[in-house]
Amino acid sequence: MKMISKNWINCVLGDISLIISGQSPESSAYNKNMDGLPFFQGKAEFGEVYPAVRQWCNAPRKIAEKDDILISVRAPAGPTNIANQKCAIGRGLAAIRANKNISRQFLFNYLRFVESDIAR
C-alpha cells in the first residue's frame, strides 16, 4: 500500500465502515420502466462520481443508501462511485457506509487514491 502519512493508524476497512456485498436479484425483477429501485451491477454504470441509471429492480436483495460508496468488486476491481439515491446493488458491487466518525468524502478519495492497489 502507498504511504500517506506517518501519523495514520492502520485499520481494516470493516472497522471504520459497514460493507454490504451486492447480490443479484432474479432476472424477472429487472426492468426499464422505473419500477422499483435503480439497479447497479458494476463499473459499466459508473460516471465520474455518480452512477447512471439504466435499469430498475422491483425485488432487490441488497440495497445501498444514498451517499454510500459503491465499489466494483469484479473485474475491474477498485473503481468507485457514490450512490446519489437509494439503490439495489448486484454482485459486481459492494456498498461501503462510513461510520459516523469517518468522513465519507475522505474515504471515497482514499479509495480512489489506492484504486490501482485494490485492482492488483
N, C-alpha and C. Protein backbone atom coordinates (compact mmCIF):
# COMPACT_ATOMS: atom_id res chain seq x y z
N MET A 1 0.83 -1.19 0.00
CA MET A 1 0.00 0.00 0.00
C MET A 1 0.87 1.26 0.00
N LYS A 2 0.30 2.34 -0.46
CA LYS A 2 1.02 3.61 -0.52
C LYS A 2 1.08 4.25 0.86
N MET A 3 2.18 4.88 1.14
CA MET A 3 2.34 5.58 2.41
C MET A 3 1.74 6.98 2.26
N ILE A 4 0.83 7.31 3.13
CA ILE A 4 0.18 8.61 3.08
C ILE A 4 0.76 9.54 4.14
N SER A 5 0.72 9.12 5.37
CA SER A 5 1.18 9.94 6.48
C SER A 5 1.65 9.03 7.61
N LYS A 6 2.75 9.38 8.23
CA LYS A 6 3.25 8.57 9.35
C LYS A 6 2.33 8.67 10.56
N ASN A 7 1.43 9.64 10.58
CA ASN A 7 0.51 9.82 11.70
C ASN A 7 -0.76 8.99 11.59
N TRP A 8 -0.93 8.30 10.47
CA TRP A 8 -2.12 7.48 10.29
C TRP A 8 -1.99 6.18 11.05
N ILE A 9 -3.12 5.62 11.38
CA ILE A 9 -3.17 4.32 12.05
C ILE A 9 -3.70 3.30 11.06
N ASN A 10 -3.01 2.18 10.93
CA ASN A 10 -3.51 1.10 10.08
C ASN A 10 -4.80 0.55 10.66
N CYS A 11 -5.77 0.29 9.80
CA CYS A 11 -7.01 -0.32 10.24
C CYS A 11 -7.59 -1.12 9.08
N VAL A 12 -8.56 -1.91 9.40
CA VAL A 12 -9.28 -2.70 8.40
C VAL A 12 -10.52 -1.91 8.01
N LEU A 13 -10.83 -1.92 6.71
CA LEU A 13 -11.99 -1.16 6.22
C LEU A 13 -13.26 -1.48 7.00
N GLY A 14 -13.43 -2.74 7.33
CA GLY A 14 -14.61 -3.15 8.09
C GLY A 14 -14.68 -2.60 9.50
N ASP A 15 -13.54 -2.07 10.02
CA ASP A 15 -13.54 -1.45 11.34
C ASP A 15 -14.05 -0.02 11.32
N ILE A 16 -14.02 0.61 10.15
CA ILE A 16 -14.43 2.01 10.05
C ILE A 16 -15.65 2.21 9.15
N SER A 17 -16.22 1.09 8.69
CA SER A 17 -17.39 1.19 7.81
C SER A 17 -18.17 -0.11 7.83
N LEU A 18 -19.38 -0.03 7.33
CA LEU A 18 -20.20 -1.21 7.08
C LEU A 18 -20.03 -1.54 5.61
N ILE A 19 -19.69 -2.79 5.31
CA ILE A 19 -19.52 -3.21 3.92
C ILE A 19 -20.69 -4.14 3.57
N ILE A 20 -21.41 -3.79 2.51
CA ILE A 20 -22.58 -4.55 2.07
C ILE A 20 -22.26 -5.14 0.70
N SER A 21 -22.09 -6.44 0.65
CA SER A 21 -21.82 -7.11 -0.62
C SER A 21 -23.10 -7.19 -1.43
N GLY A 22 -23.00 -6.84 -2.71
CA GLY A 22 -24.16 -6.90 -3.58
C GLY A 22 -24.59 -8.33 -3.85
N GLN A 23 -25.83 -8.47 -4.26
CA GLN A 23 -26.36 -9.78 -4.61
C GLN A 23 -27.39 -9.57 -5.72
N SER A 24 -27.27 -10.34 -6.76
CA SER A 24 -28.17 -10.18 -7.89
C SER A 24 -29.56 -10.74 -7.59
N PRO A 25 -30.58 -9.99 -7.92
CA PRO A 25 -31.95 -10.49 -7.77
C PRO A 25 -32.29 -11.41 -8.93
N GLU A 26 -33.44 -12.02 -8.88
CA GLU A 26 -33.94 -12.82 -10.00
C GLU A 26 -34.04 -11.92 -11.24
N SER A 27 -33.71 -12.45 -12.39
CA SER A 27 -33.73 -11.64 -13.61
C SER A 27 -35.12 -11.10 -13.91
N SER A 28 -36.16 -11.76 -13.43
CA SER A 28 -37.53 -11.28 -13.66
C SER A 28 -37.81 -9.97 -12.91
N ALA A 29 -36.95 -9.61 -11.95
CA ALA A 29 -37.14 -8.37 -11.18
C ALA A 29 -36.53 -7.16 -11.87
N TYR A 30 -35.71 -7.37 -12.92
CA TYR A 30 -35.10 -6.26 -13.66
C TYR A 30 -36.14 -5.64 -14.57
N ASN A 31 -36.06 -4.32 -14.76
CA ASN A 31 -36.95 -3.67 -15.72
C ASN A 31 -36.38 -2.34 -16.15
N LYS A 32 -36.94 -1.80 -17.19
CA LYS A 32 -36.52 -0.49 -17.72
C LYS A 32 -37.62 0.56 -17.56
N ASN A 33 -38.71 0.19 -16.88
CA ASN A 33 -39.85 1.11 -16.77
C ASN A 33 -39.96 1.79 -15.40
N MET A 34 -38.82 1.93 -14.71
CA MET A 34 -38.75 2.67 -13.45
C MET A 34 -39.56 2.04 -12.31
N ASP A 35 -39.75 0.72 -12.35
CA ASP A 35 -40.48 0.01 -11.31
C ASP A 35 -39.49 -0.47 -10.26
N GLY A 36 -39.52 0.11 -9.08
CA GLY A 36 -38.63 -0.28 -8.00
C GLY A 36 -37.48 0.69 -7.83
N LEU A 37 -36.35 0.17 -7.38
CA LEU A 37 -35.16 0.98 -7.13
C LEU A 37 -34.23 0.96 -8.34
N PRO A 38 -33.46 2.04 -8.54
CA PRO A 38 -32.40 1.97 -9.54
C PRO A 38 -31.51 0.77 -9.20
N PHE A 39 -31.02 0.08 -10.22
CA PHE A 39 -30.25 -1.14 -10.02
C PHE A 39 -28.91 -1.02 -10.73
N PHE A 40 -27.83 -1.15 -9.95
CA PHE A 40 -26.48 -1.06 -10.49
C PHE A 40 -25.78 -2.40 -10.30
N GLN A 41 -25.09 -2.83 -11.35
CA GLN A 41 -24.43 -4.14 -11.32
C GLN A 41 -22.91 -4.06 -11.31
N GLY A 42 -22.35 -2.95 -11.78
CA GLY A 42 -20.90 -2.86 -11.83
C GLY A 42 -20.41 -1.55 -12.39
N LYS A 43 -19.14 -1.51 -12.73
CA LYS A 43 -18.48 -0.31 -13.21
C LYS A 43 -19.09 0.25 -14.49
N ALA A 44 -19.73 -0.59 -15.28
CA ALA A 44 -20.30 -0.12 -16.55
C ALA A 44 -21.29 1.03 -16.35
N GLU A 45 -21.91 1.11 -15.20
CA GLU A 45 -22.87 2.19 -14.93
C GLU A 45 -22.22 3.40 -14.28
N PHE A 46 -20.95 3.32 -13.93
CA PHE A 46 -20.28 4.40 -13.21
C PHE A 46 -20.03 5.61 -14.11
N GLY A 47 -20.25 6.78 -13.51
CA GLY A 47 -19.89 8.04 -14.13
C GLY A 47 -18.64 8.56 -13.43
N GLU A 48 -18.40 9.86 -13.57
CA GLU A 48 -17.23 10.46 -12.91
C GLU A 48 -17.33 10.31 -11.39
N VAL A 49 -18.51 10.58 -10.84
CA VAL A 49 -18.72 10.45 -9.39
C VAL A 49 -19.96 9.61 -9.07
N TYR A 50 -21.02 9.76 -9.88
CA TYR A 50 -22.29 9.08 -9.62
C TYR A 50 -22.64 8.12 -10.76
N PRO A 51 -23.28 7.00 -10.43
CA PRO A 51 -23.66 6.06 -11.49
C PRO A 51 -24.87 6.56 -12.29
N ALA A 52 -24.99 6.08 -13.52
CA ALA A 52 -26.12 6.40 -14.39
C ALA A 52 -27.11 5.24 -14.34
N VAL A 53 -28.37 5.56 -14.12
CA VAL A 53 -29.41 4.53 -14.03
C VAL A 53 -29.75 4.04 -15.44
N ARG A 54 -29.63 2.72 -15.63
CA ARG A 54 -30.00 2.09 -16.90
C ARG A 54 -31.16 1.11 -16.71
N GLN A 55 -31.30 0.62 -15.48
CA GLN A 55 -32.40 -0.30 -15.20
C GLN A 55 -32.81 -0.22 -13.74
N TRP A 56 -33.95 -0.80 -13.43
CA TRP A 56 -34.52 -0.79 -12.10
C TRP A 56 -34.76 -2.21 -11.64
N CYS A 57 -35.03 -2.35 -10.36
CA CYS A 57 -35.28 -3.67 -9.78
C CYS A 57 -36.43 -3.55 -8.79
N ASN A 58 -37.44 -4.40 -8.95
CA ASN A 58 -38.59 -4.32 -8.05
C ASN A 58 -38.56 -5.39 -6.95
N ALA A 59 -37.47 -6.17 -6.89
CA ALA A 59 -37.30 -7.16 -5.81
C ALA A 59 -35.82 -7.25 -5.44
N PRO A 60 -35.25 -6.14 -4.92
CA PRO A 60 -33.81 -6.14 -4.62
C PRO A 60 -33.47 -7.07 -3.47
N ARG A 61 -32.26 -7.62 -3.55
CA ARG A 61 -31.75 -8.46 -2.45
C ARG A 61 -30.80 -7.67 -1.56
N LYS A 62 -30.06 -6.73 -2.16
CA LYS A 62 -29.14 -5.89 -1.38
C LYS A 62 -29.33 -4.45 -1.79
N ILE A 63 -29.30 -3.57 -0.80
CA ILE A 63 -29.60 -2.14 -1.03
C ILE A 63 -28.48 -1.27 -0.49
N ALA A 64 -28.12 -0.28 -1.28
CA ALA A 64 -27.20 0.77 -0.84
C ALA A 64 -28.03 2.02 -0.57
N GLU A 65 -27.65 2.76 0.43
CA GLU A 65 -28.34 4.00 0.77
C GLU A 65 -27.68 5.18 0.05
N LYS A 66 -28.41 6.27 -0.06
CA LYS A 66 -27.86 7.49 -0.62
C LYS A 66 -26.57 7.85 0.14
N ASP A 67 -25.54 8.23 -0.58
CA ASP A 67 -24.23 8.62 -0.06
C ASP A 67 -23.31 7.45 0.29
N ASP A 68 -23.77 6.20 0.14
CA ASP A 68 -22.85 5.08 0.30
C ASP A 68 -21.84 5.12 -0.84
N ILE A 69 -20.64 4.64 -0.59
CA ILE A 69 -19.63 4.49 -1.63
C ILE A 69 -19.88 3.16 -2.32
N LEU A 70 -19.97 3.18 -3.62
CA LEU A 70 -20.11 1.95 -4.40
C LEU A 70 -18.73 1.59 -4.93
N ILE A 71 -18.33 0.34 -4.77
CA ILE A 71 -17.03 -0.10 -5.25
C ILE A 71 -17.19 -1.36 -6.10
N SER A 72 -16.53 -1.36 -7.23
CA SER A 72 -16.55 -2.52 -8.11
C SER A 72 -15.70 -3.62 -7.48
N VAL A 73 -16.29 -4.82 -7.36
CA VAL A 73 -15.58 -5.93 -6.74
C VAL A 73 -15.29 -7.05 -7.73
N ARG A 74 -15.69 -6.87 -8.97
CA ARG A 74 -15.37 -7.81 -10.04
C ARG A 74 -14.59 -7.05 -11.09
N ALA A 75 -13.90 -7.78 -11.93
CA ALA A 75 -13.03 -7.14 -12.93
C ALA A 75 -13.77 -6.04 -13.68
N PRO A 76 -13.26 -4.85 -13.61
CA PRO A 76 -12.11 -4.44 -12.83
C PRO A 76 -12.50 -4.13 -11.38
N ALA A 77 -11.75 -4.64 -10.44
CA ALA A 77 -11.99 -4.34 -9.03
C ALA A 77 -11.35 -3.00 -8.70
N GLY A 78 -12.03 -2.22 -7.88
CA GLY A 78 -11.44 -0.98 -7.39
C GLY A 78 -12.15 0.31 -7.73
N PRO A 79 -12.68 0.47 -8.96
CA PRO A 79 -13.33 1.75 -9.26
C PRO A 79 -14.48 2.05 -8.29
N THR A 80 -14.67 3.33 -8.02
CA THR A 80 -15.69 3.76 -7.06
C THR A 80 -16.60 4.82 -7.65
N ASN A 81 -17.78 4.91 -7.08
CA ASN A 81 -18.75 5.97 -7.32
C ASN A 81 -19.49 6.19 -6.01
N ILE A 82 -20.35 7.18 -5.98
CA ILE A 82 -21.16 7.45 -4.81
C ILE A 82 -22.62 7.30 -5.20
N ALA A 83 -23.37 6.56 -4.40
CA ALA A 83 -24.81 6.41 -4.64
C ALA A 83 -25.48 7.75 -4.37
N ASN A 84 -26.12 8.31 -5.39
CA ASN A 84 -26.81 9.59 -5.18
C ASN A 84 -28.29 9.39 -4.86
N GLN A 85 -28.67 8.12 -4.64
CA GLN A 85 -30.02 7.77 -4.22
C GLN A 85 -30.00 6.34 -3.69
N LYS A 86 -31.03 5.97 -2.97
CA LYS A 86 -31.16 4.59 -2.52
C LYS A 86 -31.23 3.71 -3.76
N CYS A 87 -30.50 2.58 -3.76
CA CYS A 87 -30.45 1.75 -4.97
C CYS A 87 -30.20 0.29 -4.62
N ALA A 88 -30.53 -0.58 -5.55
CA ALA A 88 -30.23 -2.00 -5.44
C ALA A 88 -28.85 -2.23 -6.04
N ILE A 89 -28.08 -3.15 -5.44
CA ILE A 89 -26.75 -3.45 -5.97
C ILE A 89 -26.62 -4.94 -6.26
N GLY A 90 -26.06 -5.23 -7.43
CA GLY A 90 -25.82 -6.60 -7.85
C GLY A 90 -24.47 -7.09 -7.36
N ARG A 91 -24.13 -8.32 -7.74
CA ARG A 91 -22.94 -8.97 -7.20
C ARG A 91 -21.62 -8.40 -7.68
N GLY A 92 -21.63 -7.51 -8.66
CA GLY A 92 -20.41 -6.87 -9.11
C GLY A 92 -20.00 -5.67 -8.27
N LEU A 93 -20.84 -5.32 -7.29
CA LEU A 93 -20.59 -4.14 -6.46
C LEU A 93 -20.68 -4.47 -4.98
N ALA A 94 -20.09 -3.62 -4.18
CA ALA A 94 -20.31 -3.59 -2.73
C ALA A 94 -20.58 -2.14 -2.39
N ALA A 95 -21.33 -1.93 -1.32
CA ALA A 95 -21.57 -0.59 -0.81
C ALA A 95 -20.76 -0.45 0.47
N ILE A 96 -20.12 0.71 0.62
CA ILE A 96 -19.34 0.99 1.82
C ILE A 96 -19.98 2.19 2.51
N ARG A 97 -20.45 1.97 3.73
CA ARG A 97 -21.10 3.03 4.51
C ARG A 97 -20.17 3.41 5.65
N ALA A 98 -19.54 4.57 5.53
CA ALA A 98 -18.57 5.03 6.53
C ALA A 98 -19.25 5.20 7.89
N ASN A 99 -18.54 4.81 8.95
CA ASN A 99 -19.02 5.05 10.30
C ASN A 99 -19.18 6.55 10.53
N LYS A 100 -19.93 6.91 11.56
CA LYS A 100 -20.23 8.31 11.83
C LYS A 100 -19.00 9.17 12.06
N ASN A 101 -17.93 8.59 12.60
CA ASN A 101 -16.74 9.38 12.90
C ASN A 101 -15.74 9.40 11.74
N ILE A 102 -16.12 8.87 10.59
CA ILE A 102 -15.27 8.83 9.40
C ILE A 102 -15.89 9.68 8.30
N SER A 103 -15.12 10.51 7.68
CA SER A 103 -15.61 11.33 6.58
C SER A 103 -15.82 10.47 5.34
N ARG A 104 -17.04 10.40 4.84
CA ARG A 104 -17.33 9.64 3.64
C ARG A 104 -16.53 10.18 2.46
N GLN A 105 -16.42 11.48 2.35
CA GLN A 105 -15.69 12.06 1.23
C GLN A 105 -14.20 11.72 1.31
N PHE A 106 -13.65 11.75 2.51
CA PHE A 106 -12.25 11.37 2.68
C PHE A 106 -12.03 9.91 2.31
N LEU A 107 -12.92 9.03 2.78
CA LEU A 107 -12.80 7.61 2.47
C LEU A 107 -12.92 7.37 0.96
N PHE A 108 -13.85 8.06 0.32
CA PHE A 108 -14.01 7.96 -1.13
C PHE A 108 -12.73 8.38 -1.84
N ASN A 109 -12.16 9.51 -1.45
CA ASN A 109 -10.93 9.99 -2.07
C ASN A 109 -9.77 9.01 -1.82
N TYR A 110 -9.70 8.46 -0.61
CA TYR A 110 -8.64 7.50 -0.32
C TYR A 110 -8.78 6.25 -1.20
N LEU A 111 -10.00 5.73 -1.31
CA LEU A 111 -10.21 4.54 -2.15
C LEU A 111 -9.85 4.81 -3.60
N ARG A 112 -10.11 6.00 -4.06
CA ARG A 112 -9.70 6.35 -5.42
C ARG A 112 -8.17 6.42 -5.53
N PHE A 113 -7.53 6.91 -4.48
CA PHE A 113 -6.08 7.03 -4.47
C PHE A 113 -5.41 5.65 -4.54
N VAL A 114 -6.00 4.66 -3.88
CA VAL A 114 -5.41 3.32 -3.84
C VAL A 114 -6.08 2.35 -4.82
N GLU A 115 -6.83 2.88 -5.76
CA GLU A 115 -7.56 2.03 -6.70
C GLU A 115 -6.64 1.03 -7.42
N SER A 116 -5.47 1.46 -7.85
CA SER A 116 -4.58 0.54 -8.55
C SER A 116 -4.08 -0.57 -7.63
N ASP A 117 -3.90 -0.26 -6.35
CA ASP A 117 -3.51 -1.29 -5.37
C ASP A 117 -4.65 -2.31 -5.20
N ILE A 118 -5.87 -1.81 -5.13
CA ILE A 118 -7.03 -2.70 -4.99
C ILE A 118 -7.13 -3.60 -6.22
N ALA A 119 -6.93 -3.05 -7.39
CA ALA A 119 -7.02 -3.82 -8.63
C ALA A 119 -6.02 -4.97 -8.66
N ARG A 120 -4.86 -4.73 -8.09
CA ARG A 120 -3.83 -5.79 -8.04
C ARG A 120 -4.22 -6.85 -7.06
